[in-house]
N, C-alpha and C. Protein backbone atom coordinates (compact mmCIF):
# COMPACT_ATOMS: atom_id res chain seq x y z
N MET A 1 209.59 32.17 53.73
CA MET A 1 210.84 31.62 53.20
C MET A 1 210.51 30.49 52.21
N ASP A 2 211.00 30.63 50.94
CA ASP A 2 210.68 29.61 49.94
C ASP A 2 211.61 28.41 50.09
N ASP A 3 211.35 27.38 49.26
CA ASP A 3 212.11 26.13 49.38
C ASP A 3 213.60 26.33 49.17
N LYS A 4 213.96 27.18 48.21
CA LYS A 4 215.38 27.42 47.94
C LYS A 4 216.07 28.04 49.15
N GLU A 5 215.40 28.99 49.78
CA GLU A 5 215.97 29.66 50.96
C GLU A 5 216.10 28.68 52.13
N VAL A 6 215.10 27.82 52.29
CA VAL A 6 215.15 26.80 53.35
C VAL A 6 216.32 25.86 53.11
N ARG A 7 216.47 25.41 51.87
CA ARG A 7 217.56 24.50 51.53
C ARG A 7 218.92 25.15 51.80
N GLU A 8 219.08 26.41 51.40
CA GLU A 8 220.34 27.11 51.62
C GLU A 8 220.62 27.28 53.11
N ARG A 9 219.57 27.54 53.87
CA ARG A 9 219.73 27.68 55.33
C ARG A 9 220.17 26.36 55.95
N ILE A 10 219.59 25.26 55.49
CA ILE A 10 219.98 23.94 56.00
C ILE A 10 221.43 23.64 55.64
N LEU A 11 221.82 23.90 54.40
CA LEU A 11 223.20 23.65 53.97
C LEU A 11 224.19 24.46 54.81
N GLU A 12 223.87 25.71 55.02
CA GLU A 12 224.76 26.57 55.81
C GLU A 12 224.86 26.11 57.26
N GLY A 13 223.71 25.77 57.85
CA GLY A 13 223.72 25.32 59.24
C GLY A 13 224.42 23.99 59.41
N ALA A 14 224.17 23.05 58.49
CA ALA A 14 224.82 21.75 58.57
C ALA A 14 226.32 21.88 58.39
N GLU A 15 226.74 22.69 57.45
CA GLU A 15 228.18 22.89 57.23
C GLU A 15 228.86 23.44 58.48
N GLY A 16 228.22 24.40 59.12
CA GLY A 16 228.78 24.97 60.34
C GLY A 16 228.97 23.92 61.42
N LEU A 17 228.00 23.03 61.58
CA LEU A 17 228.10 21.97 62.58
C LEU A 17 229.18 20.95 62.20
N PHE A 18 229.22 20.57 60.92
CA PHE A 18 230.23 19.60 60.48
C PHE A 18 231.64 20.17 60.64
N MET A 19 231.81 21.43 60.31
CA MET A 19 233.13 22.05 60.43
C MET A 19 233.57 22.12 61.88
N LYS A 20 232.64 22.36 62.77
CA LYS A 20 232.98 22.53 64.19
C LYS A 20 233.17 21.21 64.92
N TYR A 21 232.29 20.21 64.62
CA TYR A 21 232.28 18.98 65.40
C TYR A 21 232.70 17.73 64.61
N GLY A 22 232.94 17.87 63.31
CA GLY A 22 233.15 16.69 62.49
C GLY A 22 231.82 16.16 61.98
N ILE A 23 231.86 15.10 61.22
CA ILE A 23 230.64 14.60 60.58
C ILE A 23 229.94 13.52 61.40
N ARG A 24 230.69 12.55 61.87
CA ARG A 24 230.07 11.41 62.56
C ARG A 24 229.37 11.83 63.85
N SER A 25 229.89 12.87 64.50
CA SER A 25 229.31 13.26 65.79
C SER A 25 228.08 14.15 65.64
N VAL A 26 227.72 14.50 64.41
CA VAL A 26 226.54 15.35 64.18
C VAL A 26 225.45 14.52 63.52
N SER A 27 224.30 14.45 64.17
CA SER A 27 223.18 13.68 63.63
C SER A 27 222.18 14.60 62.94
N MET A 28 221.25 14.00 62.23
CA MET A 28 220.17 14.79 61.62
C MET A 28 219.33 15.47 62.70
N ASP A 29 219.18 14.81 63.84
CA ASP A 29 218.48 15.44 64.97
C ASP A 29 219.20 16.70 65.42
N ASP A 30 220.52 16.63 65.50
CA ASP A 30 221.32 17.80 65.91
C ASP A 30 221.11 18.96 64.94
N ILE A 31 221.11 18.65 63.65
CA ILE A 31 220.93 19.70 62.64
C ILE A 31 219.55 20.33 62.75
N ALA A 32 218.54 19.49 62.88
CA ALA A 32 217.17 20.00 63.00
C ALA A 32 217.03 20.87 64.25
N ARG A 33 217.61 20.41 65.35
CA ARG A 33 217.53 21.16 66.61
C ARG A 33 218.26 22.50 66.49
N GLN A 34 219.45 22.48 65.88
CA GLN A 34 220.22 23.71 65.73
C GLN A 34 219.49 24.75 64.88
N LEU A 35 218.79 24.28 63.85
CA LEU A 35 218.11 25.19 62.94
C LEU A 35 216.68 25.51 63.36
N GLY A 36 216.20 24.79 64.36
CA GLY A 36 214.83 25.02 64.83
C GLY A 36 213.79 24.59 63.82
N ILE A 37 214.08 23.47 63.12
CA ILE A 37 213.12 22.93 62.15
C ILE A 37 212.91 21.45 62.44
N SER A 38 211.96 20.86 61.77
CA SER A 38 211.68 19.44 62.00
C SER A 38 212.57 18.57 61.12
N LYS A 39 212.74 17.31 61.54
CA LYS A 39 213.48 16.36 60.69
C LYS A 39 212.72 16.13 59.39
N LYS A 40 211.41 16.22 59.44
CA LYS A 40 210.62 16.05 58.23
C LYS A 40 211.03 17.07 57.17
N THR A 41 211.28 18.30 57.63
CA THR A 41 211.72 19.35 56.70
C THR A 41 213.07 19.01 56.09
N LEU A 42 213.98 18.46 56.91
CA LEU A 42 215.29 18.05 56.39
C LEU A 42 215.12 17.02 55.27
N TYR A 43 214.26 16.04 55.52
CA TYR A 43 214.09 14.95 54.56
C TYR A 43 213.26 15.35 53.34
N GLN A 44 212.63 16.52 53.41
CA GLN A 44 211.96 17.04 52.22
C GLN A 44 212.99 17.59 51.21
N HIS A 45 214.16 17.94 51.72
CA HIS A 45 215.20 18.54 50.88
C HIS A 45 216.38 17.60 50.61
N PHE A 46 216.56 16.61 51.48
CA PHE A 46 217.70 15.70 51.33
C PHE A 46 217.24 14.27 51.62
N ALA A 47 217.69 13.34 50.79
CA ALA A 47 217.25 11.95 50.92
C ALA A 47 217.67 11.35 52.26
N ASP A 48 218.89 11.67 52.68
CA ASP A 48 219.43 11.15 53.93
C ASP A 48 220.67 11.97 54.30
N LYS A 49 221.33 11.58 55.35
CA LYS A 49 222.51 12.33 55.79
C LYS A 49 223.61 12.31 54.74
N ASP A 50 223.79 11.18 54.08
CA ASP A 50 224.84 11.08 53.07
C ASP A 50 224.57 12.05 51.92
N ASP A 51 223.32 12.17 51.52
CA ASP A 51 222.95 13.12 50.47
C ASP A 51 223.22 14.55 50.94
N MET A 52 222.89 14.85 52.19
CA MET A 52 223.14 16.19 52.72
C MET A 52 224.64 16.50 52.72
N ILE A 53 225.44 15.53 53.14
CA ILE A 53 226.89 15.74 53.18
C ILE A 53 227.43 15.97 51.77
N GLN A 54 226.90 15.24 50.80
CA GLN A 54 227.31 15.44 49.41
C GLN A 54 227.00 16.86 48.96
N GLN A 55 225.80 17.34 49.27
CA GLN A 55 225.39 18.67 48.83
C GLN A 55 226.14 19.76 49.60
N VAL A 56 226.40 19.54 50.88
CA VAL A 56 227.20 20.48 51.66
C VAL A 56 228.60 20.58 51.07
N SER A 57 229.18 19.44 50.71
CA SER A 57 230.52 19.42 50.13
C SER A 57 230.56 20.19 48.82
N LEU A 58 229.59 19.94 47.94
CA LEU A 58 229.57 20.63 46.65
C LEU A 58 229.40 22.13 46.83
N SER A 59 228.57 22.53 47.79
CA SER A 59 228.38 23.95 48.07
C SER A 59 229.67 24.58 48.60
N HIS A 60 230.33 23.88 49.52
CA HIS A 60 231.58 24.38 50.10
C HIS A 60 232.66 24.50 49.03
N LEU A 61 232.79 23.50 48.18
CA LEU A 61 233.84 23.51 47.16
C LEU A 61 233.59 24.58 46.11
N SER A 62 232.32 24.80 45.77
CA SER A 62 231.99 25.86 44.82
C SER A 62 232.37 27.23 45.40
N ARG A 63 232.07 27.42 46.66
CA ARG A 63 232.43 28.68 47.32
C ARG A 63 233.94 28.85 47.41
N ASN A 64 234.64 27.73 47.71
CA ASN A 64 236.09 27.77 47.77
C ASN A 64 236.70 28.16 46.42
N GLN A 65 236.14 27.62 45.34
CA GLN A 65 236.64 27.96 44.01
C GLN A 65 236.44 29.44 43.73
N GLN A 66 235.29 29.98 44.13
CA GLN A 66 235.04 31.41 43.92
C GLN A 66 236.00 32.26 44.74
N GLU A 67 236.28 31.85 45.97
CA GLU A 67 237.22 32.59 46.82
C GLU A 67 238.62 32.59 46.22
N MET A 68 239.03 31.46 45.65
CA MET A 68 240.34 31.38 45.00
C MET A 68 240.42 32.32 43.81
N GLU A 69 239.34 32.36 43.02
CA GLU A 69 239.31 33.25 41.86
C GLU A 69 239.33 34.71 42.30
N ASP A 70 238.62 35.02 43.40
CA ASP A 70 238.62 36.39 43.91
C ASP A 70 240.01 36.81 44.37
N MET A 71 240.73 35.90 45.05
CA MET A 71 242.08 36.21 45.50
C MET A 71 243.02 36.42 44.33
N ARG A 72 242.85 35.60 43.28
CA ARG A 72 243.70 35.75 42.10
C ARG A 72 243.48 37.11 41.44
N ARG A 73 242.22 37.53 41.33
CA ARG A 73 241.92 38.82 40.71
C ARG A 73 242.39 39.98 41.58
N GLN A 74 242.27 39.82 42.89
CA GLN A 74 242.63 40.89 43.82
C GLN A 74 244.14 41.08 43.93
N ALA A 75 244.90 40.00 43.79
CA ALA A 75 246.35 40.05 44.02
C ALA A 75 247.04 40.84 42.91
N VAL A 76 248.05 41.62 43.31
CA VAL A 76 248.81 42.41 42.34
C VAL A 76 250.00 41.64 41.79
N ASN A 77 250.38 40.55 42.46
CA ASN A 77 251.47 39.69 41.98
C ASN A 77 251.36 38.34 42.69
N ALA A 78 252.26 37.42 42.35
CA ALA A 78 252.19 36.06 42.92
C ALA A 78 252.40 36.06 44.42
N ILE A 79 253.28 36.91 44.93
CA ILE A 79 253.53 36.98 46.37
C ILE A 79 252.31 37.52 47.10
N ASP A 80 251.69 38.52 46.53
CA ASP A 80 250.47 39.08 47.12
C ASP A 80 249.39 38.01 47.22
N GLU A 81 249.27 37.18 46.19
CA GLU A 81 248.30 36.08 46.21
C GLU A 81 248.64 35.09 47.32
N LEU A 82 249.92 34.77 47.49
CA LEU A 82 250.34 33.87 48.56
C LEU A 82 249.95 34.43 49.93
N ALA A 83 250.12 35.74 50.10
CA ALA A 83 249.76 36.37 51.37
C ALA A 83 248.27 36.24 51.64
N LEU A 84 247.45 36.43 50.60
CA LEU A 84 246.00 36.27 50.75
C LEU A 84 245.64 34.82 51.07
N ILE A 85 246.32 33.89 50.38
CA ILE A 85 246.08 32.47 50.63
C ILE A 85 246.45 32.10 52.06
N SER A 86 247.55 32.66 52.56
CA SER A 86 248.01 32.38 53.92
C SER A 86 246.96 32.78 54.94
N VAL A 87 246.39 33.96 54.77
CA VAL A 87 245.35 34.45 55.69
C VAL A 87 244.12 33.55 55.61
N ALA A 88 243.71 33.18 54.39
CA ALA A 88 242.55 32.32 54.21
C ALA A 88 242.79 30.93 54.78
N LEU A 89 244.01 30.41 54.61
CA LEU A 89 244.35 29.09 55.14
C LEU A 89 244.28 29.07 56.66
N ARG A 90 244.83 30.09 57.28
CA ARG A 90 244.78 30.16 58.75
C ARG A 90 243.34 30.21 59.24
N LYS A 91 242.51 31.05 58.62
CA LYS A 91 241.11 31.18 59.02
C LYS A 91 240.38 29.85 58.84
N GLY A 92 240.61 29.20 57.68
CA GLY A 92 239.94 27.94 57.42
C GLY A 92 240.33 26.86 58.39
N MET A 93 241.62 26.79 58.75
CA MET A 93 242.09 25.79 59.68
C MET A 93 241.52 26.00 61.08
N GLU A 94 241.38 27.25 61.47
CA GLU A 94 240.84 27.55 62.80
C GLU A 94 239.38 27.14 62.92
N GLU A 95 238.68 27.10 61.79
CA GLU A 95 237.25 26.76 61.80
C GLU A 95 236.98 25.28 61.53
N LEU A 96 238.03 24.51 61.21
CA LEU A 96 237.85 23.14 60.75
C LEU A 96 238.16 22.12 61.82
N ASN A 97 237.21 21.22 62.08
CA ASN A 97 237.49 20.09 62.96
C ASN A 97 238.39 19.11 62.23
N PRO A 98 239.52 18.72 62.83
CA PRO A 98 240.48 17.86 62.14
C PRO A 98 239.91 16.53 61.66
N SER A 99 238.83 16.06 62.30
CA SER A 99 238.28 14.76 61.94
C SER A 99 237.41 14.80 60.68
N LEU A 100 237.11 16.00 60.18
CA LEU A 100 236.15 16.11 59.08
C LEU A 100 236.62 15.37 57.83
N LEU A 101 237.85 15.59 57.42
CA LEU A 101 238.33 14.93 56.21
C LEU A 101 238.44 13.42 56.40
N PHE A 102 238.82 12.99 57.59
CA PHE A 102 238.88 11.55 57.88
C PHE A 102 237.48 10.94 57.76
N ASP A 103 236.49 11.62 58.33
CA ASP A 103 235.11 11.13 58.26
C ASP A 103 234.64 11.03 56.81
N LEU A 104 234.95 12.05 56.02
CA LEU A 104 234.56 12.02 54.61
C LEU A 104 235.18 10.84 53.89
N LYS A 105 236.49 10.67 54.08
CA LYS A 105 237.23 9.65 53.36
C LYS A 105 236.73 8.25 53.72
N LYS A 106 236.44 8.01 54.99
CA LYS A 106 236.09 6.67 55.44
C LYS A 106 234.61 6.33 55.25
N TYR A 107 233.73 7.32 55.45
CA TYR A 107 232.30 6.99 55.52
C TYR A 107 231.46 7.59 54.39
N HIS A 108 232.00 8.52 53.62
CA HIS A 108 231.20 9.20 52.59
C HIS A 108 232.00 9.30 51.29
N PRO A 109 232.16 8.18 50.58
CA PRO A 109 233.04 8.14 49.40
C PRO A 109 232.63 9.08 48.28
N LYS A 110 231.34 9.31 48.09
CA LYS A 110 230.92 10.22 47.02
C LYS A 110 231.37 11.65 47.31
N ALA A 111 231.18 12.08 48.55
CA ALA A 111 231.61 13.42 48.93
C ALA A 111 233.13 13.52 48.90
N TRP A 112 233.81 12.47 49.35
CA TRP A 112 235.27 12.47 49.32
C TRP A 112 235.78 12.56 47.88
N SER A 113 235.12 11.86 46.98
CA SER A 113 235.49 11.91 45.56
C SER A 113 235.36 13.33 45.01
N ALA A 114 234.32 14.04 45.44
CA ALA A 114 234.14 15.44 45.00
C ALA A 114 235.29 16.31 45.50
N TRP A 115 235.70 16.10 46.76
CA TRP A 115 236.84 16.85 47.31
C TRP A 115 238.11 16.55 46.53
N GLN A 116 238.33 15.28 46.21
CA GLN A 116 239.54 14.89 45.49
C GLN A 116 239.54 15.46 44.07
N GLU A 117 238.40 15.44 43.42
CA GLU A 117 238.31 16.02 42.08
C GLU A 117 238.60 17.52 42.12
N HIS A 118 238.04 18.20 43.12
CA HIS A 118 238.28 19.63 43.29
C HIS A 118 239.77 19.89 43.51
N LYS A 119 240.39 19.07 44.33
CA LYS A 119 241.82 19.24 44.61
C LYS A 119 242.65 19.08 43.35
N GLN A 120 242.36 18.04 42.59
CA GLN A 120 243.16 17.76 41.40
C GLN A 120 242.87 18.70 40.24
N ARG A 121 241.61 19.07 40.08
CA ARG A 121 241.23 19.86 38.90
C ARG A 121 241.35 21.37 39.12
N ILE A 122 241.00 21.83 40.31
CA ILE A 122 240.95 23.27 40.57
C ILE A 122 242.16 23.75 41.37
N VAL A 123 242.38 23.14 42.53
CA VAL A 123 243.39 23.66 43.43
C VAL A 123 244.80 23.45 42.87
N ARG A 124 245.06 22.26 42.33
CA ARG A 124 246.40 21.99 41.79
C ARG A 124 246.75 22.96 40.67
N GLU A 125 245.81 23.21 39.77
CA GLU A 125 246.09 24.14 38.68
C GLU A 125 246.28 25.56 39.21
N SER A 126 245.54 25.94 40.26
CA SER A 126 245.71 27.26 40.86
C SER A 126 247.12 27.42 41.44
N VAL A 127 247.59 26.37 42.13
CA VAL A 127 248.95 26.41 42.69
C VAL A 127 249.98 26.48 41.58
N ALA A 128 249.82 25.64 40.56
CA ALA A 128 250.78 25.62 39.44
C ALA A 128 250.79 26.96 38.72
N ARG A 129 249.61 27.56 38.53
CA ARG A 129 249.55 28.87 37.86
C ARG A 129 250.28 29.93 38.67
N ASN A 130 250.07 29.93 40.00
CA ASN A 130 250.78 30.89 40.86
C ASN A 130 252.29 30.70 40.76
N LEU A 131 252.74 29.45 40.70
CA LEU A 131 254.17 29.18 40.59
C LEU A 131 254.72 29.69 39.26
N ARG A 132 253.99 29.44 38.18
CA ARG A 132 254.43 29.94 36.86
C ARG A 132 254.47 31.46 36.84
N GLN A 133 253.46 32.07 37.45
CA GLN A 133 253.41 33.53 37.50
C GLN A 133 254.59 34.08 38.30
N GLY A 134 254.86 33.46 39.46
CA GLY A 134 255.95 33.93 40.30
C GLY A 134 257.31 33.81 39.63
N ILE A 135 257.49 32.75 38.83
CA ILE A 135 258.74 32.60 38.06
C ILE A 135 258.86 33.74 37.05
N ALA A 136 257.77 34.02 36.34
CA ALA A 136 257.78 35.07 35.32
C ALA A 136 258.05 36.44 35.94
N GLU A 137 257.57 36.65 37.17
CA GLU A 137 257.76 37.94 37.84
C GLU A 137 259.12 38.07 38.53
N GLY A 138 259.87 36.96 38.57
CA GLY A 138 261.18 37.00 39.20
C GLY A 138 261.17 36.78 40.70
N PHE A 139 260.00 36.40 41.25
CA PHE A 139 259.90 36.17 42.69
C PHE A 139 260.25 34.73 43.07
N TYR A 140 260.04 33.78 42.15
CA TYR A 140 260.33 32.37 42.40
C TYR A 140 261.51 31.95 41.52
N ARG A 141 262.23 30.96 41.99
CA ARG A 141 263.41 30.47 41.28
C ARG A 141 263.03 29.88 39.92
N GLN A 142 263.83 30.18 38.93
CA GLN A 142 263.57 29.74 37.56
C GLN A 142 263.56 28.21 37.42
N GLU A 143 264.35 27.53 38.26
CA GLU A 143 264.53 26.09 38.06
C GLU A 143 263.45 25.22 38.69
N ILE A 144 262.50 25.81 39.42
CA ILE A 144 261.47 24.98 40.04
C ILE A 144 260.52 24.43 38.98
N ASN A 145 259.91 23.29 39.28
CA ASN A 145 258.95 22.65 38.37
C ASN A 145 257.54 22.85 38.93
N PRO A 146 256.73 23.76 38.36
CA PRO A 146 255.40 24.06 38.92
C PRO A 146 254.48 22.85 39.01
N GLU A 147 254.54 21.96 38.02
CA GLU A 147 253.64 20.80 38.03
C GLU A 147 253.99 19.84 39.16
N VAL A 148 255.28 19.60 39.37
CA VAL A 148 255.71 18.69 40.44
C VAL A 148 255.42 19.31 41.80
N LEU A 149 255.76 20.56 41.99
CA LEU A 149 255.59 21.20 43.30
C LEU A 149 254.13 21.41 43.65
N SER A 150 253.27 21.60 42.66
CA SER A 150 251.84 21.76 42.97
C SER A 150 251.27 20.46 43.53
N VAL A 151 251.71 19.32 42.99
CA VAL A 151 251.27 18.02 43.52
C VAL A 151 251.78 17.82 44.94
N ILE A 152 253.06 18.10 45.15
CA ILE A 152 253.66 17.95 46.48
C ILE A 152 252.94 18.81 47.50
N ARG A 153 252.66 20.05 47.11
CA ARG A 153 252.00 20.98 48.04
C ARG A 153 250.64 20.43 48.50
N LEU A 154 249.85 19.94 47.59
CA LEU A 154 248.51 19.47 47.95
C LEU A 154 248.57 18.20 48.79
N GLU A 155 249.50 17.31 48.48
CA GLU A 155 249.60 16.08 49.25
C GLU A 155 250.07 16.36 50.67
N ILE A 156 250.95 17.34 50.85
CA ILE A 156 251.42 17.69 52.20
C ILE A 156 250.27 18.26 53.02
N VAL A 157 249.46 19.11 52.40
CA VAL A 157 248.31 19.69 53.12
C VAL A 157 247.42 18.57 53.67
N GLU A 158 247.14 17.57 52.83
CA GLU A 158 246.29 16.46 53.25
C GLU A 158 246.98 15.59 54.29
N LEU A 159 248.29 15.40 54.13
CA LEU A 159 249.06 14.58 55.05
C LEU A 159 248.98 15.09 56.49
N ILE A 160 248.93 16.40 56.63
CA ILE A 160 248.92 17.00 57.97
C ILE A 160 247.68 16.62 58.76
N PHE A 161 246.60 16.23 58.06
CA PHE A 161 245.38 15.82 58.75
C PHE A 161 245.45 14.37 59.24
N ASP A 162 246.50 13.65 58.88
CA ASP A 162 246.64 12.26 59.29
C ASP A 162 247.02 12.21 60.77
N GLU A 163 246.10 11.71 61.59
CA GLU A 163 246.32 11.73 63.03
C GLU A 163 247.45 10.81 63.46
N GLN A 164 247.76 9.80 62.66
CA GLN A 164 248.87 8.93 63.01
C GLN A 164 250.21 9.65 62.89
N ILE A 165 250.28 10.63 62.02
CA ILE A 165 251.51 11.40 61.83
C ILE A 165 251.54 12.62 62.73
N PHE A 166 250.41 13.33 62.81
CA PHE A 166 250.31 14.51 63.67
C PHE A 166 249.13 14.31 64.63
N PRO A 167 249.33 13.59 65.74
CA PRO A 167 248.24 13.36 66.69
C PRO A 167 247.63 14.68 67.16
N HIS A 168 246.31 14.71 67.18
CA HIS A 168 245.62 15.95 67.51
C HIS A 168 245.81 16.39 68.96
N ASP A 169 246.17 15.45 69.83
CA ASP A 169 246.40 15.82 71.22
C ASP A 169 247.82 16.34 71.45
N LYS A 170 248.63 16.29 70.41
CA LYS A 170 250.02 16.72 70.54
C LYS A 170 250.33 17.95 69.69
N TYR A 171 249.63 18.07 68.55
CA TYR A 171 249.91 19.16 67.62
C TYR A 171 248.68 20.04 67.42
N VAL A 172 248.91 21.34 67.31
CA VAL A 172 247.87 22.27 66.89
C VAL A 172 247.97 22.36 65.37
N LEU A 173 246.97 21.82 64.68
CA LEU A 173 247.09 21.66 63.24
C LEU A 173 247.20 22.98 62.50
N THR A 174 246.58 24.03 63.03
CA THR A 174 246.72 25.34 62.39
C THR A 174 248.18 25.76 62.36
N LYS A 175 248.88 25.56 63.48
CA LYS A 175 250.30 25.94 63.55
C LYS A 175 251.14 25.06 62.63
N VAL A 176 250.81 23.77 62.57
CA VAL A 176 251.55 22.87 61.67
C VAL A 176 251.36 23.30 60.22
N GLN A 177 250.12 23.57 59.84
CA GLN A 177 249.85 23.97 58.46
C GLN A 177 250.59 25.26 58.10
N MET A 178 250.59 26.23 59.01
CA MET A 178 251.23 27.50 58.71
C MET A 178 252.75 27.35 58.64
N GLU A 179 253.31 26.50 59.49
CA GLU A 179 254.75 26.28 59.45
C GLU A 179 255.15 25.58 58.15
N VAL A 180 254.37 24.60 57.74
CA VAL A 180 254.66 23.90 56.49
C VAL A 180 254.46 24.83 55.29
N PHE A 181 253.45 25.67 55.35
CA PHE A 181 253.22 26.65 54.28
C PHE A 181 254.43 27.56 54.13
N ASP A 182 254.92 28.07 55.26
CA ASP A 182 256.09 28.95 55.27
C ASP A 182 257.32 28.23 54.68
N HIS A 183 257.50 26.99 55.10
CA HIS A 183 258.64 26.19 54.62
C HIS A 183 258.55 26.02 53.10
N PHE A 184 257.36 25.72 52.60
CA PHE A 184 257.15 25.54 51.17
C PHE A 184 257.48 26.83 50.41
N VAL A 185 256.97 27.95 50.91
CA VAL A 185 257.16 29.22 50.21
C VAL A 185 258.64 29.62 50.17
N TYR A 186 259.32 29.49 51.30
CA TYR A 186 260.73 29.88 51.32
C TYR A 186 261.57 29.05 50.35
N GLY A 187 261.15 27.84 50.07
CA GLY A 187 261.86 27.02 49.10
C GLY A 187 261.68 27.49 47.67
N LEU A 188 260.70 28.37 47.43
CA LEU A 188 260.43 28.88 46.09
C LEU A 188 261.18 30.16 45.77
N LEU A 189 261.48 30.96 46.79
CA LEU A 189 261.77 32.37 46.60
C LEU A 189 263.18 32.68 46.11
N THR A 190 263.24 33.69 45.25
CA THR A 190 264.50 34.35 44.94
C THR A 190 264.76 35.39 46.04
N ASP A 191 265.90 36.05 46.00
CA ASP A 191 266.17 37.11 46.97
C ASP A 191 265.10 38.21 46.88
N LYS A 192 264.74 38.54 45.65
CA LYS A 192 263.69 39.55 45.42
C LYS A 192 262.37 39.10 46.03
N GLY A 193 262.03 37.83 45.82
CA GLY A 193 260.78 37.30 46.35
C GLY A 193 260.78 37.22 47.86
N ARG A 194 261.92 36.84 48.43
CA ARG A 194 262.03 36.72 49.89
C ARG A 194 261.81 38.07 50.56
N ALA A 195 262.40 39.11 50.00
CA ALA A 195 262.24 40.45 50.58
C ALA A 195 260.78 40.88 50.57
N LEU A 196 260.08 40.62 49.47
CA LEU A 196 258.68 41.02 49.38
C LEU A 196 257.80 40.16 50.28
N TYR A 197 258.07 38.86 50.32
CA TYR A 197 257.27 37.96 51.16
C TYR A 197 257.40 38.34 52.63
N GLU A 198 258.61 38.65 53.07
CA GLU A 198 258.82 39.02 54.46
C GLU A 198 258.19 40.37 54.78
N GLU A 199 258.11 41.22 53.78
CA GLU A 199 257.40 42.49 53.96
C GLU A 199 255.91 42.24 54.21
N TYR A 200 255.33 41.33 53.41
CA TYR A 200 253.92 40.98 53.60
C TYR A 200 253.70 40.32 54.98
N LYS A 201 254.59 39.42 55.36
CA LYS A 201 254.46 38.75 56.65
C LYS A 201 254.51 39.75 57.79
N SER A 202 255.37 40.74 57.68
CA SER A 202 255.48 41.78 58.71
C SER A 202 254.18 42.56 58.82
N LYS A 203 253.56 42.86 57.68
CA LYS A 203 252.29 43.60 57.69
C LYS A 203 251.18 42.77 58.35
N VAL A 204 251.15 41.47 58.02
CA VAL A 204 250.13 40.59 58.60
C VAL A 204 250.32 40.48 60.11
N LYS A 205 251.57 40.33 60.55
CA LYS A 205 251.85 40.23 61.98
C LYS A 205 251.46 41.50 62.71
N SER A 206 251.75 42.63 62.10
CA SER A 206 251.37 43.91 62.72
C SER A 206 249.87 44.03 62.85
N GLN A 207 249.14 43.59 61.80
CA GLN A 207 247.69 43.66 61.84
C GLN A 207 247.12 42.73 62.92
N GLU A 208 247.72 41.55 63.08
CA GLU A 208 247.29 40.61 64.13
C GLU A 208 247.48 41.22 65.51
N MET A 209 248.60 41.92 65.71
CA MET A 209 248.86 42.57 66.99
C MET A 209 247.84 43.66 67.26
N ILE A 210 247.49 44.41 66.21
CA ILE A 210 246.47 45.46 66.36
C ILE A 210 245.12 44.84 66.73
N ASN A 211 244.78 43.72 66.08
CA ASN A 211 243.49 43.06 66.34
C ASN A 211 243.38 42.53 67.76
N GLN A 212 244.53 42.23 68.39
CA GLN A 212 244.53 41.71 69.74
C GLN A 212 244.40 42.80 70.80
N LEU A 213 244.58 44.05 70.40
CA LEU A 213 244.50 45.16 71.36
C LEU A 213 243.06 45.43 71.79
């Protein structure tokens, strides 16, 4: 295994631990133990834990951008894209420790800055583009403002991770995110859009029931 492969393996393993347990509770020793390598090997590829977190964040955000582009190309219309985003959002929330974003914001400002730049530069424009597309297709109301609603959408997503507002011992964040997502979407839809969105939701629900059998 060459250096590039080792580095990619470390990034993947560290990301998995951070997503599952949060950042502060995972040490470099934990990562080395999980991957079956020495700490010396970790420090050959990363200056320290903060550097590793920065690189894990950049890798994750790059992959997220590619996934968003894949969903846009795969979708046949704006509603279809929303359905794909809904499935991806649920999966991502189920894999994410709620403390991860808090840890980034408080203890790793460089990595947090990368997340914020990604949100503002990539995700917000993706949301606004979907809104403009949906208006053009007749699925979203003509009077909505894509630029305003794209900002609101992203801030609400982040707000849900605030433990003071949604305590983790009281709320299941996946359910909160999906309920807020649904609320946001229904506020966009025309009658035509609502009929198609509910058709997609019915298909997703049926598939979930099949998967549980």
